[in-house]
Amino acid sequence: MPQHAQNTRVCRDCDGFATAAITTGTRHRDGSRSTLRITCPACKGTGHTAPATLARTGR
């Protein structure tokens, strides 16, 4: 019998890509680029969201 995969709700704001590295344009002394790590504020960096019923009840 086929196995069914669980449906995980992907964050609609970041589309599952919860963290991004953004370059600032400056470089460190060793020549590497200076980057900022930004996380999605909607899912808080998890990449998925809770169902709306759980979000309303606070569980």
C-alpha atoms as a PDB file:
ATOM      1  CA  MET A   1       0.000   0.000   0.000  1.00  0.00           C
ATOM      2  CA  PRO A   2       1.280   3.468  -0.753  1.00  0.00           C
ATOM      3  CA  GLN A   3       2.418   5.669   2.079  1.00  0.00           C
ATOM      4  CA  HIS A   4       0.895   9.106   2.359  1.00  0.00           C
ATOM      5  CA  ALA A   5       3.105  12.077   3.126  1.00  0.00           C
ATOM      6  CA  GLN A   6       2.040  14.528   5.770  1.00  0.00           C
ATOM      7  CA  ASN A   7       0.923  17.885   4.497  1.00  0.00           C
ATOM      8  CA  THR A   8       3.008  20.624   6.059  1.00  0.00           C
ATOM      9  CA  ARG A   9       1.760  24.135   5.561  1.00  0.00           C
ATOM     10  CA  VAL A  10       4.403  26.214   3.810  1.00  0.00           C
ATOM     11  CA  CYS A  11       4.638  29.835   4.893  1.00  0.00           C
ATOM     12  CA  ARG A  12       2.966  31.979   2.259  1.00  0.00           C
ATOM     13  CA  ASP A  13       5.219  34.970   2.960  1.00  0.00           C
ATOM     14  CA  CYS A  14       8.574  33.268   2.402  1.00  0.00           C
ATOM     15  CA  ASP A  15       7.380  30.231   0.390  1.00  0.00           C
ATOM     16  CA  GLY A  16       9.357  27.887   2.639  1.00  0.00           C
ATOM     17  CA  PHE A  17      12.677  29.733   2.316  1.00  0.00           C
ATOM     18  CA  ALA A  18      12.689  31.069   5.863  1.00  0.00           C
ATOM     19  CA  THR A  19      16.244  32.427   6.040  1.00  0.00           C
ATOM     20  CA  ALA A  20      18.171  34.527   3.550  1.00  0.00           C
ATOM     21  CA  ALA A  21      21.778  35.752   3.565  1.00  0.00           C
ATOM     22  CA  ILE A  22      22.035  39.295   2.227  1.00  0.00           C
ATOM     23  CA  THR A  23      25.380  40.828   1.367  1.00  0.00           C
ATOM     24  CA  THR A  24      26.033  44.338   2.669  1.00  0.00           C
ATOM     25  CA  GLY A  25      28.527  45.220  -0.054  1.00  0.00           C
ATOM     26  CA  THR A  26      31.461  45.527   2.342  1.00  0.00           C
ATOM     27  CA  ARG A  27      34.287  43.063   2.843  1.00  0.00           C
ATOM     28  CA  HIS A  28      36.185  41.776   5.864  1.00  0.00           C
ATOM     29  CA  ARG A  29      39.974  42.138   6.112  1.00  0.00           C
ATOM     30  CA  ASP A  30      40.454  38.616   4.758  1.00  0.00           C
ATOM     31  CA  GLY A  31      38.436  39.442   1.615  1.00  0.00           C
ATOM     32  CA  SER A  32      35.229  37.592   2.482  1.00  0.00           C
ATOM     33  CA  ARG A  33      31.929  39.431   2.149  1.00  0.00           C
ATOM     34  CA  SER A  34      29.995  40.765   5.100  1.00  0.00           C
ATOM     35  CA  THR A  35      26.470  39.283   5.159  1.00  0.00           C
ATOM     36  CA  LEU A  36      23.316  39.650   7.237  1.00  0.00           C
ATOM     37  CA  ARG A  37      21.156  36.647   8.075  1.00  0.00           C
ATOM     38  CA  ILE A  38      17.485  37.588   7.840  1.00  0.00           C
ATOM     39  CA  THR A  39      14.616  35.333   8.960  1.00  0.00           C
ATOM     40  CA  CYS A  40      10.991  35.526   7.895  1.00  0.00           C
ATOM     41  CA  PRO A  41       8.982  37.478  10.508  1.00  0.00           C
ATOM     42  CA  ALA A  42       5.742  35.632   9.707  1.00  0.00           C
ATOM     43  CA  CYS A  43       6.957  32.089  10.450  1.00  0.00           C
ATOM     44  CA  LYS A  44       9.915  33.129  12.648  1.00  0.00           C
ATOM     45  CA  GLY A  45      12.383  31.185  10.537  1.00  0.00           C
ATOM     46  CA  THR A  46      10.668  27.800  10.506  1.00  0.00           C
ATOM     47  CA  GLY A  47       9.420  27.849   6.908  1.00  0.00           C
ATOM     48  CA  HIS A  48       5.962  26.567   7.777  1.00  0.00           C
ATOM     49  CA  THR A  49       2.921  27.897   9.580  1.00  0.00           C
ATOM     50  CA  ALA A  50       0.371  26.443  11.962  1.00  0.00           C
ATOM     51  CA  PRO A  51      -3.194  25.847  10.786  1.00  0.00           C
ATOM     52  CA  ALA A  52      -5.452  28.861  11.297  1.00  0.00           C
ATOM     53  CA  THR A  53      -7.559  27.087  13.928  1.00  0.00           C
ATOM     54  CA  LEU A  54      -4.518  26.493  16.126  1.00  0.00           C
ATOM     55  CA  ALA A  55      -3.273  30.032  15.627  1.00  0.00           C
ATOM     56  CA  ARG A  56      -6.593  31.474  16.837  1.00  0.00           C
ATOM     57  CA  THR A  57      -6.755  29.308  19.943  1.00  0.00           C
ATOM     58  CA  GLY A  58      -3.101  29.874  20.820  1.00  0.00           C
ATOM     59  CA  ARG A  59      -2.027  26.223  20.939  1.00  0.00           C
END
